[in-house]
Amino acid sequence: MSENRIENGADAEQRIVVTGRAGFEITEVSGVLSFDEEEIVLETGTGRISVEGEGLRITVLSLETGVVSAVGKINGILWLNESRERRAGFFGRKG
């Protein structure tokens, strides 16, 4: 499986690791705002992050360490502003 890593240049301690579009791990998570099989919305030190997909299931949730991991088909990772408008995406298209 391929693995993609993103590090935020402003805060190199946050990591987003996507493994073959079948799972992810995000660090520096301070809260889970909502989740279902199609979207997980997280609060992080860099803002809100939405992971969109199919059959998403959280496998690790540790707010003590700030780590959230999940499995399922990942269609996109988006950084959201307060009004939930999309600011930036990790994958260009869904599908």
C-alpha atoms as a PDB file:
ATOM      1  CA  MET A   1       0.000   0.000   0.000  1.00  0.00           C
ATOM      2  CA  SER A   2       1.155   3.494  -0.751  1.00  0.00           C
ATOM      3  CA  GLU A   3       1.403   6.059   2.006  1.00  0.00           C
ATOM      4  CA  ASN A   4       1.140   9.834   1.673  1.00  0.00           C
ATOM      5  CA  ARG A   5       2.313  12.220   4.380  1.00  0.00           C
ATOM      6  CA  ILE A   6       1.448  15.896   4.734  1.00  0.00           C
ATOM      7  CA  GLU A   7       3.109  18.198   7.208  1.00  0.00           C
ATOM      8  CA  ASN A   8       1.783  21.678   7.736  1.00  0.00           C
ATOM      9  CA  GLY A   9       4.672  24.078   7.161  1.00  0.00           C
ATOM     10  CA  ALA A  10       3.470  26.451   9.894  1.00  0.00           C
ATOM     11  CA  ASP A  11       3.242  23.667  12.459  1.00  0.00           C
ATOM     12  CA  ALA A  12       5.446  20.714  11.504  1.00  0.00           C
ATOM     13  CA  GLU A  13       4.200  18.704  14.501  1.00  0.00           C
ATOM     14  CA  GLN A  14       0.833  17.930  12.889  1.00  0.00           C
ATOM     15  CA  ARG A  15       0.872  14.877  10.641  1.00  0.00           C
ATOM     16  CA  ILE A  16      -1.711  13.483   8.260  1.00  0.00           C
ATOM     17  CA  VAL A  17      -0.861  10.007   7.037  1.00  0.00           C
ATOM     18  CA  VAL A  18      -3.069   8.422   4.364  1.00  0.00           C
ATOM     19  CA  THR A  19      -2.485   4.774   3.570  1.00  0.00           C
ATOM     20  CA  GLY A  20      -3.662   3.716   0.131  1.00  0.00           C
ATOM     21  CA  ARG A  21      -6.945   5.691   0.452  1.00  0.00           C
ATOM     22  CA  ALA A  22      -8.028   2.936   2.864  1.00  0.00           C
ATOM     23  CA  GLY A  23      -7.104   4.572   6.143  1.00  0.00           C
ATOM     24  CA  PHE A  24      -5.622   7.640   7.783  1.00  0.00           C
ATOM     25  CA  GLU A  25      -4.016   8.943  10.946  1.00  0.00           C
ATOM     26  CA  ILE A  26      -4.133  12.605  11.976  1.00  0.00           C
ATOM     27  CA  THR A  27      -2.201  14.054  14.892  1.00  0.00           C
ATOM     28  CA  GLU A  28      -2.760  17.217  16.938  1.00  0.00           C
ATOM     29  CA  VAL A  29      -6.511  16.527  17.181  1.00  0.00           C
ATOM     30  CA  SER A  30      -8.274  18.305  20.025  1.00  0.00           C
ATOM     31  CA  GLY A  31     -11.808  17.051  19.349  1.00  0.00           C
ATOM     32  CA  VAL A  32     -14.186  15.109  17.127  1.00  0.00           C
ATOM     33  CA  LEU A  33     -17.006  17.436  16.058  1.00  0.00           C
ATOM     34  CA  SER A  34     -19.044  14.868  14.118  1.00  0.00           C
ATOM     35  CA  PHE A  35     -18.680  11.491  12.468  1.00  0.00           C
ATOM     36  CA  ASP A  36     -20.596   8.978  10.417  1.00  0.00           C
ATOM     37  CA  GLU A  37     -19.731   6.529   7.637  1.00  0.00           C
ATOM     38  CA  GLU A  38     -19.401   9.349   5.075  1.00  0.00           C
ATOM     39  CA  GLU A  39     -17.651  12.168   6.972  1.00  0.00           C
ATOM     40  CA  ILE A  40     -15.470  12.710  10.036  1.00  0.00           C
ATOM     41  CA  VAL A  41     -14.983  16.326  11.182  1.00  0.00           C
ATOM     42  CA  LEU A  42     -12.068  16.995  13.521  1.00  0.00           C
ATOM     43  CA  GLU A  43     -10.886  20.062  15.439  1.00  0.00           C
ATOM     44  CA  THR A  44      -7.094  20.446  15.258  1.00  0.00           C
ATOM     45  CA  GLY A  45      -4.454  23.007  16.072  1.00  0.00           C
ATOM     46  CA  THR A  46      -4.537  24.135  12.424  1.00  0.00           C
ATOM     47  CA  GLY A  47      -8.348  24.365  12.215  1.00  0.00           C
ATOM     48  CA  ARG A  48     -11.176  22.031  11.317  1.00  0.00           C
ATOM     49  CA  ILE A  49     -10.486  19.085   9.039  1.00  0.00           C
ATOM     50  CA  SER A  50     -13.165  17.075   7.233  1.00  0.00           C
ATOM     51  CA  VAL A  51     -12.403  13.570   5.972  1.00  0.00           C
ATOM     52  CA  GLU A  52     -14.973  12.451   3.415  1.00  0.00           C
ATOM     53  CA  GLY A  53     -15.395   8.903   2.225  1.00  0.00           C
ATOM     54  CA  GLU A  54     -17.375   5.682   2.342  1.00  0.00           C
ATOM     55  CA  GLY A  55     -17.622   3.184   5.183  1.00  0.00           C
ATOM     56  CA  LEU A  56     -15.494   5.344   7.486  1.00  0.00           C
ATOM     57  CA  ARG A  57     -14.917   3.911  10.948  1.00  0.00           C
ATOM     58  CA  ILE A  58     -12.778   5.445  13.693  1.00  0.00           C
ATOM     59  CA  THR A  59     -10.306   2.860  14.991  1.00  0.00           C
ATOM     60  CA  VAL A  60      -8.188   5.017  17.331  1.00  0.00           C
ATOM     61  CA  LEU A  61      -9.405   8.057  19.253  1.00  0.00           C
ATOM     62  CA  SER A  62      -6.995   9.417  21.840  1.00  0.00           C
ATOM     63  CA  LEU A  63      -7.496  13.046  22.759  1.00  0.00           C
ATOM     64  CA  GLU A  64      -4.758  12.642  25.385  1.00  0.00           C
ATOM     65  CA  THR A  65      -2.185  12.072  22.650  1.00  0.00           C
ATOM     66  CA  GLY A  66      -4.149  13.965  19.974  1.00  0.00           C
ATOM     67  CA  VAL A  67      -4.305  11.023  17.558  1.00  0.00           C
ATOM     68  CA  VAL A  68      -7.278   9.884  15.467  1.00  0.00           C
ATOM     69  CA  SER A  69      -7.099   6.956  13.038  1.00  0.00           C
ATOM     70  CA  ALA A  70      -9.832   5.569  10.825  1.00  0.00           C
ATOM     71  CA  VAL A  71     -10.377   3.027   8.066  1.00  0.00           C
ATOM     72  CA  GLY A  72     -12.650   3.090   5.016  1.00  0.00           C
ATOM     73  CA  LYS A  73     -12.481   4.473   1.489  1.00  0.00           C
ATOM     74  CA  ILE A  74     -11.151   8.035   1.667  1.00  0.00           C
ATOM     75  CA  ASN A  75     -12.469  10.367  -1.030  1.00  0.00           C
ATOM     76  CA  GLY A  76     -11.058  13.626   0.283  1.00  0.00           C
ATOM     77  CA  ILE A  77      -9.520  15.582   3.119  1.00  0.00           C
ATOM     78  CA  LEU A  78     -10.581  19.214   3.427  1.00  0.00           C
ATOM     79  CA  TRP A  79      -9.617  22.096   5.685  1.00  0.00           C
ATOM     80  CA  LEU A  80     -12.731  24.035   6.682  1.00  0.00           C
ATOM     81  CA  ASN A  81     -13.294  27.600   7.825  1.00  0.00           C
ATOM     82  CA  GLU A  82     -15.887  28.418  10.495  1.00  0.00           C
ATOM     83  CA  SER A  83     -18.784  28.484   8.010  1.00  0.00           C
ATOM     84  CA  ARG A  84     -17.752  25.044   6.661  1.00  0.00           C
ATOM     85  CA  GLU A  85     -16.789  26.450   3.263  1.00  0.00           C
ATOM     86  CA  ARG A  86     -14.052  24.427   1.685  1.00  0.00           C
ATOM     87  CA  ARG A  87     -10.624  26.075   1.787  1.00  0.00           C
ATOM     88  CA  ALA A  88      -8.266  23.427   0.499  1.00  0.00           C
ATOM     89  CA  GLY A  89      -8.411  19.773  -0.458  1.00  0.00           C
ATOM     90  CA  PHE A  90      -6.001  16.863  -0.365  1.00  0.00           C
ATOM     91  CA  PHE A  91      -7.561  14.820  -3.179  1.00  0.00           C
ATOM     92  CA  GLY A  92      -8.678  16.780  -6.218  1.00  0.00           C
ATOM     93  CA  ARG A  93     -11.872  14.859  -7.023  1.00  0.00           C
ATOM     94  CA  LYS A  94     -14.165  12.499  -5.260  1.00  0.00           C
ATOM     95  CA  GLY A  95     -14.661   9.042  -6.617  1.00  0.00           C
END
